[in-house]
Every structure is written in structure tokens, then in C-alpha cells.
Amino acid sequence: MDQKRGYLSPLLIWTKILVFDKLIRVKLYQMPNKKKITKIAENLKRFKENKHLSQSDLCEKTGLAYHTIAKIEAGATPDPRISTLKKIAKALGVSIDVLVGGNE
């Protein structure tokens, strides 16, 4: 794809295939994995900011690792475990339903 137009370049992967009894190299293009910001990520960030908590503060309150909170908030972990959501919801003072996108 063209980077001049604001597109991301696809990942280039080389593979070998057999064509007419000859081994040739072929370029395969794979689109990069775009992270979609989930409702959980949006709500986590919003409730965290409303409580004036940093990711480190939330880690201390929940007992979860920093990278766990960071990955959920960044959308890299779209479906966190229920036990993780329970700890986060309790620390933020909301229900799990509200945290995952239900009604407040």
C-alpha cells in the first residue's frame, strides 16, 4: 500500500512454492493487525480518569500487573478474564456490567 496516502504498509512475507517442478520465491502480503479500542478499554480509561487514578495506582488497588492494565486500556486484550474485570470494577467502584459497556 502507499504510505503517501496515509496507509500502513502491509507486512512482507516470503514463501517458496513449487511451480512446474521449479522452486520459486513468492511475496505474500499480510495486513497488519489493527487494534480496535473496545468498550472495556474506553470505560476503563474514563472511570480511571474520573477517580484520578494512574495505571500504577490501579495496579496497586487491584493487585494486577502493570502490563495487564496497560494492555486492556490500549485494546490489546479485548476479552480480559472475569477475575481481572472483577478486580478492576471493585477498585473503580463500578459493577462489571458497567465496566464492560452496560448501563450505568
PDB file of N, CA and C in Angstrom:
ATOM      1  N   MET A   1       0.836  -1.186   0.000  1.00  0.00           N
ATOM      2  CA  MET A   1       0.000   0.000   0.000  1.00  0.00           C
ATOM      3  C   MET A   1       0.880   1.248   0.000  1.00  0.00           C
ATOM      4  N   ASP A   2       0.299   2.316  -0.324  1.00  0.00           N
ATOM      5  CA  ASP A   2       1.024   3.560  -0.467  1.00  0.00           C
ATOM      6  C   ASP A   2       1.051   4.333   0.850  1.00  0.00           C
ATOM      7  N   GLN A   3       2.268   4.595   1.372  1.00  0.00           N
ATOM      8  CA  GLN A   3       2.380   5.345   2.619  1.00  0.00           C
ATOM      9  C   GLN A   3       2.101   6.827   2.413  1.00  0.00           C
ATOM     10  N   LYS A   4       2.218   7.311   1.180  1.00  0.00           N
ATOM     11  CA  LYS A   4       1.968   8.720   0.904  1.00  0.00           C
ATOM     12  C   LYS A   4       0.507   9.094   1.157  1.00  0.00           C
ATOM     13  N   ARG A   5      -0.370   8.141   1.017  1.00  0.00           N
ATOM     14  CA  ARG A   5      -1.795   8.401   1.210  1.00  0.00           C
ATOM     15  C   ARG A   5      -2.245   8.108   2.632  1.00  0.00           C
ATOM     16  N   GLY A   6      -1.301   7.808   3.533  1.00  0.00           N
ATOM     17  CA  GLY A   6      -1.656   7.573   4.918  1.00  0.00           C
ATOM     18  C   GLY A   6      -1.971   6.126   5.247  1.00  0.00           C
ATOM     19  N   TYR A   7      -1.721   5.220   4.306  1.00  0.00           N
ATOM     20  CA  TYR A   7      -1.971   3.812   4.558  1.00  0.00           C
ATOM     21  C   TYR A   7      -0.759   3.183   5.225  1.00  0.00           C
ATOM     22  N   LEU A   8      -0.998   2.178   6.028  1.00  0.00           N
ATOM     23  CA  LEU A   8       0.097   1.415   6.613  1.00  0.00           C
ATOM     24  C   LEU A   8       0.600   0.412   5.593  1.00  0.00           C
ATOM     25  N   SER A   9       1.891   0.200   5.571  1.00  0.00           N
ATOM     26  CA  SER A   9       2.445  -0.808   4.673  1.00  0.00           C
ATOM     27  C   SER A   9       2.120  -2.194   5.210  1.00  0.00           C
ATOM     28  N   PRO A  10       1.715  -3.089   4.339  1.00  0.00           N
ATOM     29  CA  PRO A  10       1.466  -4.455   4.799  1.00  0.00           C
ATOM     30  C   PRO A  10       2.785  -5.146   5.122  1.00  0.00           C
ATOM     31  N   LEU A  11       2.723  -6.165   5.929  1.00  0.00           N
ATOM     32  CA  LEU A  11       3.912  -6.927   6.243  1.00  0.00           C
ATOM     33  C   LEU A  11       4.263  -7.784   5.042  1.00  0.00           C
ATOM     34  N   LEU A  12       5.539  -7.878   4.757  1.00  0.00           N
ATOM     35  CA  LEU A  12       6.008  -8.645   3.616  1.00  0.00           C
ATOM     36  C   LEU A  12       6.506  -9.991   4.117  1.00  0.00           C
ATOM     37  N   ILE A  13       5.993 -11.047   3.555  1.00  0.00           N
ATOM     38  CA  ILE A  13       6.382 -12.386   3.937  1.00  0.00           C
ATOM     39  C   ILE A  13       6.809 -13.130   2.677  1.00  0.00           C
ATOM     40  N   TRP A  14       7.952 -13.781   2.746  1.00  0.00           N
ATOM     41  CA  TRP A  14       8.436 -14.564   1.615  1.00  0.00           C
ATOM     42  C   TRP A  14       8.112 -16.021   1.863  1.00  0.00           C
ATOM     43  N   THR A  15       7.716 -16.711   0.847  1.00  0.00           N
ATOM     44  CA  THR A  15       7.490 -18.150   0.936  1.00  0.00           C
ATOM     45  C   THR A  15       7.972 -18.788  -0.358  1.00  0.00           C
ATOM     46  N   LYS A  16       8.205 -20.067  -0.303  1.00  0.00           N
ATOM     47  CA  LYS A  16       8.639 -20.801  -1.503  1.00  0.00           C
ATOM     48  C   LYS A  16       7.503 -21.702  -1.944  1.00  0.00           C
ATOM     49  N   ILE A  17       7.253 -21.711  -3.249  1.00  0.00           N
ATOM     50  CA  ILE A  17       6.226 -22.599  -3.777  1.00  0.00           C
ATOM     51  C   ILE A  17       6.806 -23.372  -4.958  1.00  0.00           C
ATOM     52  N   LEU A  18       6.215 -24.501  -5.241  1.00  0.00           N
ATOM     53  CA  LEU A  18       6.647 -25.351  -6.340  1.00  0.00           C
ATOM     54  C   LEU A  18       5.735 -25.101  -7.542  1.00  0.00           C
ATOM     55  N   VAL A  19       6.320 -24.615  -8.635  1.00  0.00           N
ATOM     56  CA  VAL A  19       5.549 -24.335  -9.846  1.00  0.00           C
ATOM     57  C   VAL A  19       6.263 -25.018 -11.005  1.00  0.00           C
ATOM     58  N   PHE A  20       5.544 -25.888 -11.671  1.00  0.00           N
ATOM     59  CA  PHE A  20       6.099 -26.630 -12.808  1.00  0.00           C
ATOM     60  C   PHE A  20       7.457 -27.250 -12.468  1.00  0.00           C
ATOM     61  N   ASP A  21       7.512 -27.894 -11.313  1.00  0.00           N
ATOM     62  CA  ASP A  21       8.714 -28.587 -10.835  1.00  0.00           C
ATOM     63  C   ASP A  21       9.882 -27.649 -10.557  1.00  0.00           C
ATOM     64  N   LYS A  22       9.626 -26.368 -10.406  1.00  0.00           N
ATOM     65  CA  LYS A  22      10.679 -25.418 -10.050  1.00  0.00           C
ATOM     66  C   LYS A  22      10.281 -24.721  -8.754  1.00  0.00           C
ATOM     67  N   LEU A  23      11.257 -24.558  -7.888  1.00  0.00           N
ATOM     68  CA  LEU A  23      11.007 -23.881  -6.626  1.00  0.00           C
ATOM     69  C   LEU A  23      11.239 -22.384  -6.831  1.00  0.00           C
ATOM     70  N   ILE A  24      10.222 -21.570  -6.584  1.00  0.00           N
ATOM     71  CA  ILE A  24      10.372 -20.124  -6.734  1.00  0.00           C
ATOM     72  C   ILE A  24       9.962 -19.428  -5.446  1.00  0.00           C
ATOM     73  N   ARG A  25      10.486 -18.235  -5.241  1.00  0.00           N
ATOM     74  CA  ARG A  25      10.107 -17.439  -4.081  1.00  0.00           C
ATOM     75  C   ARG A  25       8.982 -16.488  -4.478  1.00  0.00           C
ATOM     76  N   VAL A  26       8.026 -16.362  -3.582  1.00  0.00           N
ATOM     77  CA  VAL A  26       6.866 -15.519  -3.847  1.00  0.00           C
ATOM     78  C   VAL A  26       6.666 -14.578  -2.669  1.00  0.00           C
ATOM     79  N   LYS A  27       6.305 -13.331  -2.957  1.00  0.00           N
ATOM     80  CA  LYS A  27       5.990 -12.370  -1.904  1.00  0.00           C
ATOM     81  C   LYS A  27       4.519 -12.512  -1.536  1.00  0.00           C
ATOM     82  N   LEU A  28       4.267 -12.624  -0.251  1.00  0.00           N
ATOM     83  CA  LEU A  28       2.900 -12.626   0.246  1.00  0.00           C
ATOM     84  C   LEU A  28       2.727 -11.386   1.107  1.00  0.00           C
ATOM     85  N   TYR A  29       1.606 -10.753   0.999  1.00  0.00           N
ATOM     86  CA  TYR A  29       1.340  -9.566   1.794  1.00  0.00           C
ATOM     87  C   TYR A  29       0.296  -9.883   2.853  1.00  0.00           C
ATOM     88  N   GLN A  30       0.568  -9.441   4.036  1.00  0.00           N
ATOM     89  CA  GLN A  30      -0.354  -9.634   5.145  1.00  0.00           C
ATOM     90  C   GLN A  30      -0.618  -8.270   5.767  1.00  0.00           C
ATOM     91  N   MET A  31      -1.883  -7.950   5.947  1.00  0.00           N
ATOM     92  CA  MET A  31      -2.222  -6.662   6.540  1.00  0.00           C
ATOM     93  C   MET A  31      -1.869  -6.666   8.017  1.00  0.00           C
ATOM     94  N   PRO A  32      -1.339  -5.555   8.525  1.00  0.00           N
ATOM     95  CA  PRO A  32      -1.025  -5.502   9.945  1.00  0.00           C
ATOM     96  C   PRO A  32      -2.292  -5.599  10.790  1.00  0.00           C
ATOM     97  N   ASN A  33      -2.152  -6.165  11.967  1.00  0.00           N
ATOM     98  CA  ASN A  33      -3.283  -6.326  12.879  1.00  0.00           C
ATOM     99  C   ASN A  33      -3.577  -4.987  13.544  1.00  0.00           C
ATOM    100  N   LYS A  34      -4.707  -4.405  13.213  1.00  0.00           N
ATOM    101  CA  LYS A  34      -5.087  -3.131  13.813  1.00  0.00           C
ATOM    102  C   LYS A  34      -5.842  -3.410  15.101  1.00  0.00           C
ATOM    103  N   LYS A  35      -5.427  -2.770  16.173  1.00  0.00           N
ATOM    104  CA  LYS A  35      -6.090  -2.955  17.453  1.00  0.00           C
ATOM    105  C   LYS A  35      -7.339  -2.087  17.498  1.00  0.00           C
ATOM    106  N   LYS A  36      -8.426  -2.713  17.825  1.00  0.00           N
ATOM    107  CA  LYS A  36      -9.680  -1.992  17.941  1.00  0.00           C
ATOM    108  C   LYS A  36      -9.888  -1.658  19.415  1.00  0.00           C
ATOM    109  N   ILE A  37     -10.125  -0.393  19.687  1.00  0.00           N
ATOM    110  CA  ILE A  37     -10.370   0.020  21.063  1.00  0.00           C
ATOM    111  C   ILE A  37     -11.750  -0.489  21.458  1.00  0.00           C
ATOM    112  N   THR A  38     -11.785  -1.299  22.485  1.00  0.00           N
ATOM    113  CA  THR A  38     -13.037  -1.907  22.926  1.00  0.00           C
ATOM    114  C   THR A  38     -13.765  -0.983  23.898  1.00  0.00           C
ATOM    115  N   LYS A  39     -15.015  -1.318  24.142  1.00  0.00           N
ATOM    116  CA  LYS A  39     -15.819  -0.576  25.113  1.00  0.00           C
ATOM    117  C   LYS A  39     -15.199  -0.702  26.503  1.00  0.00           C
ATOM    118  N   ILE A  40     -14.639  -1.880  26.802  1.00  0.00           N
ATOM    119  CA  ILE A  40     -13.976  -2.074  28.090  1.00  0.00           C
ATOM    120  C   ILE A  40     -12.808  -1.099  28.227  1.00  0.00           C
ATOM    121  N   ALA A  41     -12.017  -0.967  27.168  1.00  0.00           N
ATOM    122  CA  ALA A  41     -10.864  -0.066  27.192  1.00  0.00           C
ATOM    123  C   ALA A  41     -11.306   1.384  27.394  1.00  0.00           C
ATOM    124  N   GLU A  42     -12.335   1.789  26.675  1.00  0.00           N
ATOM    125  CA  GLU A  42     -12.851   3.156  26.801  1.00  0.00           C
ATOM    126  C   GLU A  42     -13.354   3.417  28.216  1.00  0.00           C
ATOM    127  N   ASN A  43     -14.147   2.481  28.736  1.00  0.00           N
ATOM    128  CA  ASN A  43     -14.707   2.655  30.078  1.00  0.00           C
ATOM    129  C   ASN A  43     -13.629   2.623  31.152  1.00  0.00           C
ATOM    130  N   LEU A  44     -12.658   1.743  31.007  1.00  0.00           N
ATOM    131  CA  LEU A  44     -11.565   1.678  31.973  1.00  0.00           C
ATOM    132  C   LEU A  44     -10.847   3.015  32.048  1.00  0.00           C
ATOM    133  N   LYS A  45     -10.532   3.564  30.900  1.00  0.00           N
ATOM    134  CA  LYS A  45      -9.828   4.850  30.869  1.00  0.00           C
ATOM    135  C   LYS A  45     -10.698   5.961  31.481  1.00  0.00           C
ATOM    136  N   ARG A  46     -11.970   5.974  31.127  1.00  0.00           N
ATOM    137  CA  ARG A  46     -12.874   7.017  31.614  1.00  0.00           C
ATOM    138  C   ARG A  46     -13.040   6.952  33.136  1.00  0.00           C
ATOM    139  N   PHE A  47     -13.322   5.750  33.663  1.00  0.00           N
ATOM    140  CA  PHE A  47     -13.516   5.605  35.110  1.00  0.00           C
ATOM    141  C   PHE A  47     -12.218   5.854  35.872  1.00  0.00           C
ATOM    142  N   LYS A  48     -11.102   5.457  35.289  1.00  0.00           N
ATOM    143  CA  LYS A  48      -9.803   5.681  35.923  1.00  0.00           C
ATOM    144  C   LYS A  48      -9.511   7.176  36.029  1.00  0.00           C
ATOM    145  N   GLU A  49      -9.808   7.894  34.958  1.00  0.00           N
ATOM    146  CA  GLU A  49      -9.590   9.347  34.973  1.00  0.00           C
ATOM    147  C   GLU A  49     -10.561  10.042  35.923  1.00  0.00           C
ATOM    148  N   ASN A  50     -11.807   9.575  35.998  1.00  0.00           N
ATOM    149  CA  ASN A  50     -12.789  10.162  36.921  1.00  0.00           C
ATOM    150  C   ASN A  50     -12.361  10.010  38.370  1.00  0.00           C
ATOM    151  N   LYS A  51     -11.677   8.910  38.680  1.00  0.00           N
ATOM    152  CA  LYS A  51     -11.196   8.661  40.047  1.00  0.00           C
ATOM    153  C   LYS A  51      -9.799   9.252  40.278  1.00  0.00           C
ATOM    154  N   HIS A  52      -9.250   9.903  39.243  1.00  0.00           N
ATOM    155  CA  HIS A  52      -7.906  10.494  39.293  1.00  0.00           C
ATOM    156  C   HIS A  52      -6.852   9.443  39.646  1.00  0.00           C
ATOM    157  N   LEU A  53      -6.955   8.289  38.988  1.00  0.00           N
ATOM    158  CA  LEU A  53      -6.013   7.204  39.215  1.00  0.00           C
ATOM    159  C   LEU A  53      -5.107   7.028  38.004  1.00  0.00           C
ATOM    160  N   SER A  54      -3.854   6.734  38.264  1.00  0.00           N
ATOM    161  CA  SER A  54      -2.948   6.373  37.178  1.00  0.00           C
ATOM    162  C   SER A  54      -3.014   4.858  37.008  1.00  0.00           C
ATOM    163  N   GLN A  55      -2.370   4.354  35.972  1.00  0.00           N
ATOM    164  CA  GLN A  55      -2.329   2.904  35.791  1.00  0.00           C
ATOM    165  C   GLN A  55      -1.614   2.251  36.972  1.00  0.00           C
ATOM    166  N   SER A  56      -0.566   2.893  37.476  1.00  0.00           N
ATOM    167  CA  SER A  56       0.169   2.363  38.629  1.00  0.00           C
ATOM    168  C   SER A  56      -0.717   2.308  39.870  1.00  0.00           C
ATOM    169  N   ASP A  57      -1.505   3.367  40.083  1.00  0.00           N
ATOM    170  CA  ASP A  57      -2.431   3.382  41.224  1.00  0.00           C
ATOM    171  C   ASP A  57      -3.434   2.244  41.126  1.00  0.00           C
ATOM    172  N   LEU A  58      -3.953   2.031  39.919  1.00  0.00           N
ATOM    173  CA  LEU A  58      -4.934   0.974  39.718  1.00  0.00           C
ATOM    174  C   LEU A  58      -4.298  -0.402  39.927  1.00  0.00           C
ATOM    175  N   CYS A  59      -3.051  -0.536  39.551  1.00  0.00           N
ATOM    176  CA  CYS A  59      -2.330  -1.796  39.780  1.00  0.00           C
ATOM    177  C   CYS A  59      -2.227  -2.098  41.263  1.00  0.00           C
ATOM    178  N   GLU A  60      -1.912  -1.082  42.043  1.00  0.00           N
ATOM    179  CA  GLU A  60      -1.795  -1.265  43.496  1.00  0.00           C
ATOM    180  C   GLU A  60      -3.145  -1.642  44.110  1.00  0.00           C
ATOM    181  N   LYS A  61      -4.225  -1.001  43.648  1.00  0.00           N
ATOM    182  CA  LYS A  61      -5.551  -1.275  44.203  1.00  0.00           C
ATOM    183  C   LYS A  61      -6.069  -2.661  43.811  1.00  0.00           C
ATOM    184  N   THR A  62      -5.701  -3.131  42.627  1.00  0.00           N
ATOM    185  CA  THR A  62      -6.228  -4.398  42.130  1.00  0.00           C
ATOM    186  C   THR A  62      -5.306  -5.583  42.397  1.00  0.00           C
ATOM    187  N   GLY A  63      -4.018  -5.304  42.528  1.00  0.00           N
ATOM    188  CA  GLY A  63      -3.042  -6.391  42.657  1.00  0.00           C
ATOM    189  C   GLY A  63      -2.675  -7.002  41.317  1.00  0.00           C
ATOM    190  N   LEU A  64      -3.079  -6.347  40.236  1.00  0.00           N
ATOM    191  CA  LEU A  64      -2.764  -6.826  38.891  1.00  0.00           C
ATOM    192  C   LEU A  64      -1.442  -6.228  38.414  1.00  0.00           C
ATOM    193  N   ALA A  65      -0.821  -6.882  37.459  1.00  0.00           N
ATOM    194  CA  ALA A  65       0.429  -6.388  36.886  1.00  0.00           C
ATOM    195  C   ALA A  65       0.154  -5.145  36.037  1.00  0.00           C
ATOM    196  N   TYR A  66       1.146  -4.257  35.970  1.00  0.00           N
ATOM    197  CA  TYR A  66       1.014  -3.019  35.210  1.00  0.00           C
ATOM    198  C   TYR A  66       0.677  -3.310  33.747  1.00  0.00           C
ATOM    199  N   HIS A  67       1.391  -4.279  33.157  1.00  0.00           N
ATOM    200  CA  HIS A  67       1.165  -4.553  31.730  1.00  0.00           C
ATOM    201  C   HIS A  67      -0.244  -5.086  31.470  1.00  0.00           C
ATOM    202  N   THR A  68      -0.851  -5.737  32.460  1.00  0.00           N
ATOM    203  CA  THR A  68      -2.225  -6.227  32.298  1.00  0.00           C
ATOM    204  C   THR A  68      -3.192  -5.056  32.136  1.00  0.00           C
ATOM    205  N   ILE A  69      -3.064  -4.074  33.032  1.00  0.00           N
ATOM    206  CA  ILE A  69      -3.920  -2.870  32.959  1.00  0.00           C
ATOM    207  C   ILE A  69      -3.637  -2.108  31.667  1.00  0.00           C
ATOM    208  N   ALA A  70      -2.367  -1.943  31.343  1.00  0.00           N
ATOM    209  CA  ALA A  70      -1.984  -1.177  30.148  1.00  0.00           C
ATOM    210  C   ALA A  70      -2.520  -1.835  28.880  1.00  0.00           C
ATOM    211  N   LYS A  71      -2.428  -3.164  28.786  1.00  0.00           N
ATOM    212  CA  LYS A  71      -2.897  -3.863  27.594  1.00  0.00           C
ATOM    213  C   LYS A  71      -4.417  -3.797  27.451  1.00  0.00           C
ATOM    214  N   ILE A  72      -5.133  -3.882  28.565  1.00  0.00           N
ATOM    215  CA  ILE A  72      -6.597  -3.768  28.494  1.00  0.00           C
ATOM    216  C   ILE A  72      -6.990  -2.369  28.047  1.00  0.00           C
ATOM    217  N   GLU A  73      -6.342  -1.360  28.625  1.00  0.00           N
ATOM    218  CA  GLU A  73      -6.671   0.033  28.291  1.00  0.00           C
ATOM    219  C   GLU A  73      -6.297   0.376  26.855  1.00  0.00           C
ATOM    220  N   ALA A  74      -5.250  -0.255  26.327  1.00  0.00           N
ATOM    221  CA  ALA A  74      -4.823   0.002  24.952  1.00  0.00           C
ATOM    222  C   ALA A  74      -5.641  -0.781  23.931  1.00  0.00           C
ATOM    223  N   GLY A  75      -6.456  -1.728  24.404  1.00  0.00           N
ATOM    224  CA  GLY A  75      -7.245  -2.532  23.481  1.00  0.00           C
ATOM    225  C   GLY A  75      -6.530  -3.771  22.995  1.00  0.00           C
ATOM    226  N   ALA A  76      -5.319  -4.039  23.518  1.00  0.00           N
ATOM    227  CA  ALA A  76      -4.553  -5.210  23.104  1.00  0.00           C
ATOM    228  C   ALA A  76      -5.115  -6.492  23.718  1.00  0.00           C
ATOM    229  N   THR A  77      -5.866  -6.366  24.798  1.00  0.00           N
ATOM    230  CA  THR A  77      -6.548  -7.503  25.418  1.00  0.00           C
ATOM    231  C   THR A  77      -8.043  -7.200  25.377  1.00  0.00           C
ATOM    232  N   PRO A  78      -8.708  -7.554  24.275  1.00  0.00           N
ATOM    233  CA  PRO A  78     -10.119  -7.192  24.129  1.00  0.00           C
ATOM    234  C   PRO A  78     -11.068  -7.976  25.033  1.00  0.00           C
ATOM    235  N   ASP A  79     -10.662  -9.180  25.460  1.00  0.00           N
ATOM    236  CA  ASP A  79     -11.526 -10.023  26.295  1.00  0.00           C
ATOM    237  C   ASP A  79     -10.782 -10.476  27.547  1.00  0.00           C
ATOM    238  N   PRO A  80     -10.614  -9.571  28.522  1.00  0.00           N
ATOM    239  CA  PRO A  80      -9.914  -9.966  29.743  1.00  0.00           C
ATOM    240  C   PRO A  80     -10.721 -10.973  30.555  1.00  0.00           C
ATOM    241  N   ARG A  81     -10.040 -11.673  31.435  1.00  0.00           N
ATOM    242  CA  ARG A  81     -10.698 -12.668  32.285  1.00  0.00           C
ATOM    243  C   ARG A  81     -11.691 -11.990  33.230  1.00  0.00           C
ATOM    244  N   ILE A  82     -12.706 -12.761  33.608  1.00  0.00           N
ATOM    245  CA  ILE A  82     -13.726 -12.255  34.536  1.00  0.00           C
ATOM    246  C   ILE A  82     -13.081 -11.877  35.863  1.00  0.00           C
ATOM    247  N   SER A  83     -12.134 -12.671  36.334  1.00  0.00           N
ATOM    248  CA  SER A  83     -11.479 -12.372  37.611  1.00  0.00           C
ATOM    249  C   SER A  83     -10.740 -11.033  37.547  1.00  0.00           C
ATOM    250  N   THR A  84     -10.153 -10.744  36.398  1.00  0.00           N
ATOM    251  CA  THR A  84      -9.466  -9.465  36.197  1.00  0.00           C
ATOM    252  C   THR A  84     -10.466  -8.320  36.195  1.00  0.00           C
ATOM    253  N   LEU A  85     -11.575  -8.497  35.468  1.00  0.00           N
ATOM    254  CA  LEU A  85     -12.609  -7.461  35.404  1.00  0.00           C
ATOM    255  C   LEU A  85     -13.212  -7.203  36.784  1.00  0.00           C
ATOM    256  N   LYS A  86     -13.378  -8.273  37.561  1.00  0.00           N
ATOM    257  CA  LYS A  86     -13.943  -8.146  38.902  1.00  0.00           C
ATOM    258  C   LYS A  86     -13.044  -7.266  39.772  1.00  0.00           C
ATOM    259  N   LYS A  87     -11.739  -7.476  39.712  1.00  0.00           N
ATOM    260  CA  LYS A  87     -10.791  -6.682  40.493  1.00  0.00           C
ATOM    261  C   LYS A  87     -10.789  -5.221  40.057  1.00  0.00           C
ATOM    262  N   ILE A  88     -10.811  -4.999  38.754  1.00  0.00           N
ATOM    263  CA  ILE A  88     -10.799  -3.632  38.224  1.00  0.00           C
ATOM    264  C   ILE A  88     -12.090  -2.908  38.596  1.00  0.00           C
ATOM    265  N   ALA A  89     -13.223  -3.581  38.409  1.00  0.00           N
ATOM    266  CA  ALA A  89     -14.524  -2.976  38.722  1.00  0.00           C
ATOM    267  C   ALA A  89     -14.607  -2.608  40.203  1.00  0.00           C
ATOM    268  N   LYS A  90     -14.139  -3.488  41.063  1.00  0.00           N
ATOM    269  CA  LYS A  90     -14.168  -3.219  42.501  1.00  0.00           C
ATOM    270  C   LYS A  90     -13.295  -2.010  42.840  1.00  0.00           C
ATOM    271  N   ALA A  91     -12.116  -1.927  42.249  1.00  0.00           N
ATOM    272  CA  ALA A  91     -11.205  -0.807  42.512  1.00  0.00           C
ATOM    273  C   ALA A  91     -11.773   0.520  42.015  1.00  0.00           C
ATOM    274  N   LEU A  92     -12.541   0.463  40.924  1.00  0.00           N
ATOM    275  CA  LEU A  92     -13.118   1.683  40.353  1.00  0.00           C
ATOM    276  C   LEU A  92     -14.484   2.015  40.945  1.00  0.00           C
ATOM    277  N   GLY A  93     -15.043   1.109  41.725  1.00  0.00           N
ATOM    278  CA  GLY A  93     -16.337   1.356  42.358  1.00  0.00           C
ATOM    279  C   GLY A  93     -17.509   1.257  41.407  1.00  0.00           C
ATOM    280  N   VAL A  94     -17.398   0.381  40.400  1.00  0.00           N
ATOM    281  CA  VAL A  94     -18.489   0.160  39.445  1.00  0.00           C
ATOM    282  C   VAL A  94     -18.736  -1.343  39.347  1.00  0.00           C
ATOM    283  N   SER A  95     -19.853  -1.703  38.732  1.00  0.00           N
ATOM    284  CA  SER A  95     -20.131  -3.127  38.520  1.00  0.00           C
ATOM    285  C   SER A  95     -19.404  -3.601  37.262  1.00  0.00           C
ATOM    286  N   ILE A  96     -19.255  -4.901  37.151  1.00  0.00           N
ATOM    287  CA  ILE A  96     -18.622  -5.462  35.944  1.00  0.00           C
ATOM    288  C   ILE A  96     -19.457  -5.125  34.721  1.00  0.00           C
ATOM    289  N   ASP A  97     -20.771  -5.158  34.861  1.00  0.00           N
ATOM    290  CA  ASP A  97     -21.664  -4.834  33.744  1.00  0.00           C
ATOM    291  C   ASP A  97     -21.411  -3.430  33.212  1.00  0.00           C
ATOM    292  N   VAL A  98     -21.248  -2.487  34.105  1.00  0.00           N
ATOM    293  CA  VAL A  98     -20.976  -1.108  33.709  1.00  0.00           C
ATOM    294  C   VAL A  98     -19.600  -1.005  33.054  1.00  0.00           C
ATOM    295  N   LEU A  99     -18.629  -1.705  33.603  1.00  0.00           N
ATOM    296  CA  LEU A  99     -17.264  -1.652  33.075  1.00  0.00           C
ATOM    297  C   LEU A  99     -17.188  -2.185  31.640  1.00  0.00           C
ATOM    298  N   VAL A 100     -17.921  -3.249  31.359  1.00  0.00           N
ATOM    299  CA  VAL A 100     -17.847  -3.842  30.024  1.00  0.00           C
ATOM    300  C   VAL A 100     -18.777  -3.178  29.007  1.00  0.00           C
ATOM    301  N   GLY A 101     -19.531  -2.189  29.449  1.00  0.00           N
ATOM    302  CA  GLY A 101     -20.322  -1.433  28.479  1.00  0.00           C
ATOM    303  C   GLY A 101     -21.803  -1.431  28.710  1.00  0.00           C
ATOM    304  N   GLY A 102     -22.242  -1.974  29.842  1.00  0.00           N
ATOM    305  CA  GLY A 102     -23.668  -1.963  30.154  1.00  0.00           C
ATOM    306  C   GLY A 102     -24.105  -0.585  30.627  1.00  0.00           C
ATOM    307  N   ASN A 103     -25.324  -0.504  31.035  1.00  0.00           N
ATOM    308  CA  ASN A 103     -25.877   0.776  31.520  1.00  0.00           C
ATOM    309  C   ASN A 103     -25.337   1.116  32.892  1.00  0.00           C
ATOM    310  N   GLU A 104     -25.149   2.410  33.105  1.00  0.00           N
ATOM    311  CA  GLU A 104     -24.656   2.875  34.401  1.00  0.00           C
ATOM    312  C   GLU A 104     -25.794   3.043  35.366  1.00  0.00           C
TER     313      GLU A 104
END
